Each structure stands twice: as C-alpha cells, then as structure tokens.
Amino acid sequence: LSLFVALSAWTMHLDMSSFSASPLLLLAFSACEASAGLALLVATARTHGTDHMQSLNLLKC
C-alpha cells in the first residue's frame, strides 16, 4: 500500500498522464521489498539460531 501511494504521488508530482508503467513498477518494487525482508529474516535466523521473532530482543544484540 505504501508503494502504491508513493508511486501515485510521484506520478502526480511529475504530471504524468499515462499510468501504463505504474503496475510494472509496483510489481518490481514489491518484489524487491519482499526479497529484502526475506534476506533480513534469513540473516536473523542464521545469527541467532531461531526465527521466533516474539522471543528475539534486538536491543540486546
């Protein structure tokens, strides 16, 4: 949702009337965001030995 709002604001700011590239850009940014989140989860699981986020206190790291 945040990507869609940012993309809409960007196209309105630049006065672009065609939204033909917007769905493709939204899918590309969503895939990048999902892969970054998964990479963070894998890195956390490898360093701490678990992926239980409720029991993990990142302030003690």
C-alpha atoms as a PDB file:
ATOM      1  CA  LEU A   1       0.000   0.000   0.000  1.00  0.00           C
ATOM      2  CA  SER A   2       2.812   2.413   0.812  1.00  0.00           C
ATOM      3  CA  LEU A   3       4.440   1.727  -2.539  1.00  0.00           C
ATOM      4  CA  PHE A   4       1.195   2.427  -4.359  1.00  0.00           C
ATOM      5  CA  VAL A   5       0.719   5.726  -2.521  1.00  0.00           C
ATOM      6  CA  ALA A   6       4.319   6.767  -3.172  1.00  0.00           C
ATOM      7  CA  LEU A   7       4.069   5.811  -6.841  1.00  0.00           C
ATOM      8  CA  SER A   8       0.802   7.703  -7.231  1.00  0.00           C
ATOM      9  CA  ALA A   9       2.237  10.800  -5.564  1.00  0.00           C
ATOM     10  CA  TRP A  10       5.326  10.601  -7.766  1.00  0.00           C
ATOM     11  CA  THR A  11       3.321  10.414 -10.983  1.00  0.00           C
ATOM     12  CA  MET A  12       1.044  13.254  -9.849  1.00  0.00           C
ATOM     13  CA  HIS A  13       4.083  15.366  -8.950  1.00  0.00           C
ATOM     14  CA  LEU A  14       5.603  14.869 -12.390  1.00  0.00           C
ATOM     15  CA  ASP A  15       2.247  15.486 -14.134  1.00  0.00           C
ATOM     16  CA  MET A  16       2.393  12.183 -15.971  1.00  0.00           C
ATOM     17  CA  SER A  17      -0.935  11.369 -17.551  1.00  0.00           C
ATOM     18  CA  SER A  18      -0.142   7.796 -18.573  1.00  0.00           C
ATOM     19  CA  PHE A  19      -0.175   5.143 -15.886  1.00  0.00           C
ATOM     20  CA  SER A  20       0.912   2.326 -18.194  1.00  0.00           C
ATOM     21  CA  ALA A  21       4.227   1.721 -16.416  1.00  0.00           C
ATOM     22  CA  SER A  22       2.816   2.014 -12.904  1.00  0.00           C
ATOM     23  CA  PRO A  23       1.694  -1.619 -12.443  1.00  0.00           C
ATOM     24  CA  LEU A  24       5.040  -2.914 -13.674  1.00  0.00           C
ATOM     25  CA  LEU A  25       6.956  -0.578 -11.391  1.00  0.00           C
ATOM     26  CA  LEU A  26       4.728  -1.508  -8.472  1.00  0.00           C
ATOM     27  CA  LEU A  27       5.380  -5.211  -9.037  1.00  0.00           C
ATOM     28  CA  ALA A  28       9.122  -4.631  -9.342  1.00  0.00           C
ATOM     29  CA  PHE A  29       9.294  -2.580  -6.139  1.00  0.00           C
ATOM     30  CA  SER A  30       7.138  -5.120  -4.304  1.00  0.00           C
ATOM     31  CA  ALA A  31       9.430  -7.959  -5.340  1.00  0.00           C
ATOM     32  CA  CYS A  32      12.485  -6.013  -4.179  1.00  0.00           C
ATOM     33  CA  GLU A  33      10.846  -5.195  -0.850  1.00  0.00           C
ATOM     34  CA  ALA A  34       9.849  -8.827  -0.301  1.00  0.00           C
ATOM     35  CA  SER A  35      13.338 -10.109  -1.116  1.00  0.00           C
ATOM     36  CA  ALA A  36      14.932  -7.584   1.257  1.00  0.00           C
ATOM     37  CA  GLY A  37      12.574  -8.638   4.059  1.00  0.00           C
ATOM     38  CA  LEU A  38      13.275 -12.302   3.446  1.00  0.00           C
ATOM     39  CA  ALA A  39      17.018 -11.641   3.428  1.00  0.00           C
ATOM     40  CA  LEU A  40      16.737  -9.899   6.800  1.00  0.00           C
ATOM     41  CA  LEU A  41      14.743 -12.796   8.220  1.00  0.00           C
ATOM     42  CA  VAL A  42      17.291 -15.338   6.963  1.00  0.00           C
ATOM     43  CA  ALA A  43      20.195 -13.280   8.322  1.00  0.00           C
ATOM     44  CA  THR A  44      18.477 -13.021  11.715  1.00  0.00           C
ATOM     45  CA  ALA A  45      17.774 -16.746  11.783  1.00  0.00           C
ATOM     46  CA  ARG A  46      21.382 -17.550  10.913  1.00  0.00           C
ATOM     47  CA  THR A  47      22.924 -15.255  13.519  1.00  0.00           C
ATOM     48  CA  HIS A  48      20.531 -16.009  16.372  1.00  0.00           C
ATOM     49  CA  GLY A  49      19.681 -19.606  15.517  1.00  0.00           C
ATOM     50  CA  THR A  50      15.928 -19.042  15.505  1.00  0.00           C
ATOM     51  CA  ASP A  51      13.251 -17.220  13.564  1.00  0.00           C
ATOM     52  CA  HIS A  52      10.857 -16.771  16.509  1.00  0.00           C
ATOM     53  CA  MET A  53      10.553 -13.008  16.395  1.00  0.00           C
ATOM     54  CA  GLN A  54       8.471 -12.742  19.603  1.00  0.00           C
ATOM     55  CA  SER A  55      11.296 -14.152  21.721  1.00  0.00           C
ATOM     56  CA  LEU A  56      14.028 -12.141  19.982  1.00  0.00           C
ATOM     57  CA  ASN A  57      15.104  -8.886  21.590  1.00  0.00           C
ATOM     58  CA  LEU A  58      17.114  -6.917  19.049  1.00  0.00           C
ATOM     59  CA  LEU A  59      18.111  -4.300  21.629  1.00  0.00           C
ATOM     60  CA  LYS A  60      20.444  -6.820  23.312  1.00  0.00           C
ATOM     61  CA  CYS A  61      22.363  -7.590  20.094  1.00  0.00           C
END
